[in-house]
Amino acid sequence: MKWWNRLRTFIQEVTVETKKVTWPSKEEVLSTTTVVVIASFIFGLYLFFCDLIFLVLRDKIFQLFGVFS
């Protein structure tokens, strides 16, 4: 039964601490989410083009040495 009391105490403490939190407004959540989505998209494009450039360079080097003849 001791674990039950510890669990109850834990839940009470979590409830008290949760009430102390300053939660962001809906506008703040939307704006930061928008920034994260746009930054992720731009970074994804950057990685895509870097990968494409390295792929082309690799193929040119292999052609130069006749690896894929």
C-alpha atoms as a PDB file:
ATOM      1  CA  MET A   1       0.000   0.000   0.000  1.00  0.00           C
ATOM      2  CA  LYS A   2       3.018   2.249   0.424  1.00  0.00           C
ATOM      3  CA  TRP A   3       3.488   2.595  -3.335  1.00  0.00           C
ATOM      4  CA  TRP A   4      -0.117   3.837  -3.635  1.00  0.00           C
ATOM      5  CA  ASN A   5       0.571   6.700  -1.221  1.00  0.00           C
ATOM      6  CA  ARG A   6       3.765   7.610  -3.080  1.00  0.00           C
ATOM      7  CA  LEU A   7       1.872   7.632  -6.371  1.00  0.00           C
ATOM      8  CA  ARG A   8      -0.845   9.858  -4.918  1.00  0.00           C
ATOM      9  CA  THR A   9       1.751  12.266  -3.525  1.00  0.00           C
ATOM     10  CA  PHE A  10       3.542  12.341  -6.873  1.00  0.00           C
ATOM     11  CA  ILE A  11       0.322  13.159  -8.753  1.00  0.00           C
ATOM     12  CA  GLN A  12      -0.514  15.930  -6.269  1.00  0.00           C
ATOM     13  CA  GLU A  13       2.952  17.457  -6.673  1.00  0.00           C
ATOM     14  CA  VAL A  14       2.728  17.271 -10.450  1.00  0.00           C
ATOM     15  CA  THR A  15      -0.651  19.032 -10.327  1.00  0.00           C
ATOM     16  CA  VAL A  16       0.781  21.831  -8.163  1.00  0.00           C
ATOM     17  CA  GLU A  17       3.805  22.293 -10.446  1.00  0.00           C
ATOM     18  CA  THR A  18       1.656  22.228 -13.590  1.00  0.00           C
ATOM     19  CA  LYS A  19      -0.390  25.133 -12.251  1.00  0.00           C
ATOM     20  CA  LYS A  20       2.827  27.170 -11.863  1.00  0.00           C
ATOM     21  CA  VAL A  21       3.766  26.815 -15.535  1.00  0.00           C
ATOM     22  CA  THR A  22       3.353  29.815 -17.815  1.00  0.00           C
ATOM     23  CA  TRP A  23       1.774  28.266 -20.889  1.00  0.00           C
ATOM     24  CA  PRO A  24       2.288  29.929 -24.299  1.00  0.00           C
ATOM     25  CA  SER A  25      -0.637  31.559 -26.038  1.00  0.00           C
ATOM     26  CA  LYS A  26      -2.199  30.095 -29.169  1.00  0.00           C
ATOM     27  CA  GLU A  27      -0.516  32.799 -31.266  1.00  0.00           C
ATOM     28  CA  GLU A  28       2.912  31.978 -29.807  1.00  0.00           C
ATOM     29  CA  VAL A  29       2.448  28.277 -30.499  1.00  0.00           C
ATOM     30  CA  LEU A  30       1.338  28.927 -34.083  1.00  0.00           C
ATOM     31  CA  SER A  31       4.179  31.349 -34.803  1.00  0.00           C
ATOM     32  CA  THR A  32       6.912  29.115 -33.390  1.00  0.00           C
ATOM     33  CA  THR A  33       5.442  26.076 -35.146  1.00  0.00           C
ATOM     34  CA  THR A  34       5.433  28.006 -38.428  1.00  0.00           C
ATOM     35  CA  VAL A  35       9.079  28.966 -37.940  1.00  0.00           C
ATOM     36  CA  VAL A  36      10.054  25.355 -37.226  1.00  0.00           C
ATOM     37  CA  VAL A  37       8.163  24.006 -40.259  1.00  0.00           C
ATOM     38  CA  ILE A  38       9.659  26.613 -42.614  1.00  0.00           C
ATOM     39  CA  ALA A  39      13.185  26.132 -41.224  1.00  0.00           C
ATOM     40  CA  SER A  40      12.847  22.346 -41.562  1.00  0.00           C
ATOM     41  CA  PHE A  41      11.666  22.696 -45.155  1.00  0.00           C
ATOM     42  CA  ILE A  42      14.560  25.023 -46.059  1.00  0.00           C
ATOM     43  CA  PHE A  43      17.089  22.740 -44.367  1.00  0.00           C
ATOM     44  CA  GLY A  44      15.573  19.753 -46.186  1.00  0.00           C
ATOM     45  CA  LEU A  45      15.965  21.543 -49.521  1.00  0.00           C
ATOM     46  CA  TYR A  46      19.564  22.396 -48.645  1.00  0.00           C
ATOM     47  CA  LEU A  47      20.334  18.748 -47.852  1.00  0.00           C
ATOM     48  CA  PHE A  48      18.572  17.612 -51.025  1.00  0.00           C
ATOM     49  CA  PHE A  49      20.678  19.888 -53.221  1.00  0.00           C
ATOM     50  CA  CYS A  50      23.905  18.981 -51.395  1.00  0.00           C
ATOM     51  CA  ASP A  51      23.105  15.310 -51.938  1.00  0.00           C
ATOM     52  CA  LEU A  52      22.326  15.966 -55.596  1.00  0.00           C
ATOM     53  CA  ILE A  53      25.625  17.815 -56.109  1.00  0.00           C
ATOM     54  CA  PHE A  54      27.638  15.036 -54.450  1.00  0.00           C
ATOM     55  CA  LEU A  55      25.792  12.428 -56.510  1.00  0.00           C
ATOM     56  CA  VAL A  56      26.661  14.209 -59.757  1.00  0.00           C
ATOM     57  CA  LEU A  57      30.282  14.699 -58.651  1.00  0.00           C
ATOM     58  CA  ARG A  58      30.573  11.027 -57.708  1.00  0.00           C
ATOM     59  CA  ASP A  59      29.204   9.942 -61.081  1.00  0.00           C
ATOM     60  CA  LYS A  60      31.601  12.275 -62.921  1.00  0.00           C
ATOM     61  CA  ILE A  61      34.581  10.934 -60.963  1.00  0.00           C
ATOM     62  CA  PHE A  62      33.510   7.337 -61.637  1.00  0.00           C
ATOM     63  CA  GLN A  63      33.120   8.136 -65.351  1.00  0.00           C
ATOM     64  CA  LEU A  64      36.568   9.744 -65.383  1.00  0.00           C
ATOM     65  CA  PHE A  65      38.178   6.590 -64.014  1.00  0.00           C
ATOM     66  CA  GLY A  66      35.930   4.234 -65.970  1.00  0.00           C
ATOM     67  CA  VAL A  67      34.393   2.536 -62.959  1.00  0.00           C
ATOM     68  CA  PHE A  68      30.911   2.298 -64.494  1.00  0.00           C
ATOM     69  CA  SER A  69      31.862   1.666 -68.115  1.00  0.00           C
END
